[in-house]
Amino acid sequence: MGISAVILCAGYGTRLQHDLANDETNFHLKGIPKPLLPLQSKPLIAYWIESFENVTFISEIIIVTNEVHKDL
């Protein structure tokens, strides 16, 4: 039996969204949750999940989200 990896994604990113609203270069990222922000060719959370998949003692990955982003 392995252990669970927990990825916390329940924040609302209000500070980041405020900064993006005032940034002409990255304005297109406004409204995207932090874990889904693109890093190179894929969302940031994909890198976290891939790193956990290579650890043999992790049996499951749990992603904690909030009500607003649960369907993403």
C-alpha atoms as a PDB file:
ATOM      1  CA  MET A   1       0.000   0.000   0.000  1.00  0.00           C
ATOM      2  CA  GLY A   2       1.350   3.406  -0.976  1.00  0.00           C
ATOM      3  CA  ILE A   3       0.716   6.910   0.202  1.00  0.00           C
ATOM      4  CA  SER A   4      -1.402   9.658  -1.316  1.00  0.00           C
ATOM      5  CA  ALA A   5       0.066  12.729  -2.937  1.00  0.00           C
ATOM      6  CA  VAL A   6      -2.094  15.801  -2.376  1.00  0.00           C
ATOM      7  CA  ILE A   7      -1.985  18.783  -4.730  1.00  0.00           C
ATOM      8  CA  LEU A   8      -3.609  21.863  -3.202  1.00  0.00           C
ATOM      9  CA  CYS A   9      -5.434  23.880  -5.862  1.00  0.00           C
ATOM     10  CA  ALA A  10      -8.211  25.446  -3.801  1.00  0.00           C
ATOM     11  CA  GLY A  11      -7.074  29.060  -3.837  1.00  0.00           C
ATOM     12  CA  TYR A  12      -8.760  31.738  -5.891  1.00  0.00           C
ATOM     13  CA  GLY A  13      -5.576  33.478  -7.041  1.00  0.00           C
ATOM     14  CA  THR A  14      -6.946  36.941  -6.345  1.00  0.00           C
ATOM     15  CA  ARG A  15      -3.535  38.609  -6.145  1.00  0.00           C
ATOM     16  CA  LEU A  16      -2.373  36.978  -9.364  1.00  0.00           C
ATOM     17  CA  GLN A  17      -5.605  37.880 -11.161  1.00  0.00           C
ATOM     18  CA  HIS A  18      -5.226  41.495 -10.034  1.00  0.00           C
ATOM     19  CA  ASP A  19      -1.662  41.565 -11.372  1.00  0.00           C
ATOM     20  CA  LEU A  20      -2.686  39.997 -14.674  1.00  0.00           C
ATOM     21  CA  ALA A  21      -5.482  42.518 -15.127  1.00  0.00           C
ATOM     22  CA  ASN A  22      -2.871  45.282 -15.052  1.00  0.00           C
ATOM     23  CA  ASP A  23      -0.299  43.511 -17.252  1.00  0.00           C
ATOM     24  CA  GLU A  24      -0.745  43.989 -20.989  1.00  0.00           C
ATOM     25  CA  THR A  25       1.757  41.250 -21.823  1.00  0.00           C
ATOM     26  CA  ASN A  26       0.031  38.502 -19.833  1.00  0.00           C
ATOM     27  CA  PHE A  27      -3.556  39.793 -19.824  1.00  0.00           C
ATOM     28  CA  HIS A  28      -4.629  36.728 -21.867  1.00  0.00           C
ATOM     29  CA  LEU A  29      -3.925  34.570 -18.784  1.00  0.00           C
ATOM     30  CA  LYS A  30      -6.524  36.371 -16.644  1.00  0.00           C
ATOM     31  CA  GLY A  31      -9.104  33.947 -15.300  1.00  0.00           C
ATOM     32  CA  ILE A  32      -6.915  30.855 -15.616  1.00  0.00           C
ATOM     33  CA  PRO A  33      -6.337  29.079 -12.283  1.00  0.00           C
ATOM     34  CA  LYS A  34      -2.683  29.014 -11.212  1.00  0.00           C
ATOM     35  CA  PRO A  35      -2.220  25.236 -11.604  1.00  0.00           C
ATOM     36  CA  LEU A  36      -3.520  25.497 -15.186  1.00  0.00           C
ATOM     37  CA  LEU A  37      -1.192  28.309 -16.219  1.00  0.00           C
ATOM     38  CA  PRO A  38       0.879  27.216 -19.202  1.00  0.00           C
ATOM     39  CA  LEU A  39       4.544  26.424 -18.707  1.00  0.00           C
ATOM     40  CA  GLN A  40       6.182  25.709 -22.049  1.00  0.00           C
ATOM     41  CA  SER A  41       3.692  23.399 -23.770  1.00  0.00           C
ATOM     42  CA  LYS A  42       1.481  22.193 -20.907  1.00  0.00           C
ATOM     43  CA  PRO A  43      -0.210  23.336 -17.674  1.00  0.00           C
ATOM     44  CA  LEU A  44       1.894  23.574 -14.530  1.00  0.00           C
ATOM     45  CA  ILE A  45      -0.121  20.880 -12.756  1.00  0.00           C
ATOM     46  CA  ALA A  46       0.835  18.366 -15.470  1.00  0.00           C
ATOM     47  CA  TYR A  47       4.478  18.598 -14.374  1.00  0.00           C
ATOM     48  CA  TRP A  48       3.503  17.917 -10.757  1.00  0.00           C
ATOM     49  CA  ILE A  49       1.410  14.898 -11.703  1.00  0.00           C
ATOM     50  CA  GLU A  50       4.158  13.504 -13.940  1.00  0.00           C
ATOM     51  CA  SER A  51       6.695  13.827 -11.144  1.00  0.00           C
ATOM     52  CA  PHE A  52       4.422  11.897  -8.756  1.00  0.00           C
ATOM     53  CA  GLU A  53       3.767   9.145 -11.302  1.00  0.00           C
ATOM     54  CA  ASN A  54       7.460   8.224 -11.240  1.00  0.00           C
ATOM     55  CA  VAL A  55       7.471   7.673  -7.465  1.00  0.00           C
ATOM     56  CA  THR A  56       6.711   4.025  -6.750  1.00  0.00           C
ATOM     57  CA  PHE A  57       5.348   4.496  -3.215  1.00  0.00           C
ATOM     58  CA  ILE A  58       2.650   6.998  -4.255  1.00  0.00           C
ATOM     59  CA  SER A  59      -0.552   5.063  -4.881  1.00  0.00           C
ATOM     60  CA  GLU A  60      -2.914   7.925  -5.687  1.00  0.00           C
ATOM     61  CA  ILE A  61      -2.920  11.613  -6.497  1.00  0.00           C
ATOM     62  CA  ILE A  62      -5.604  13.757  -4.869  1.00  0.00           C
ATOM     63  CA  ILE A  63      -6.290  17.242  -6.226  1.00  0.00           C
ATOM     64  CA  VAL A  64      -8.048  19.581  -3.803  1.00  0.00           C
ATOM     65  CA  THR A  65      -9.980  22.346  -5.551  1.00  0.00           C
ATOM     66  CA  ASN A  66     -12.673  24.880  -4.763  1.00  0.00           C
ATOM     67  CA  GLU A  67     -16.266  25.075  -5.930  1.00  0.00           C
ATOM     68  CA  VAL A  68     -15.468  27.605  -8.674  1.00  0.00           C
ATOM     69  CA  HIS A  69     -12.865  25.439 -10.430  1.00  0.00           C
ATOM     70  CA  LYS A  70     -14.188  21.924  -9.752  1.00  0.00           C
ATOM     71  CA  ASP A  71     -15.319  21.370 -13.355  1.00  0.00           C
ATOM     72  CA  LEU A  72     -12.048  22.466 -14.966  1.00  0.00           C
END
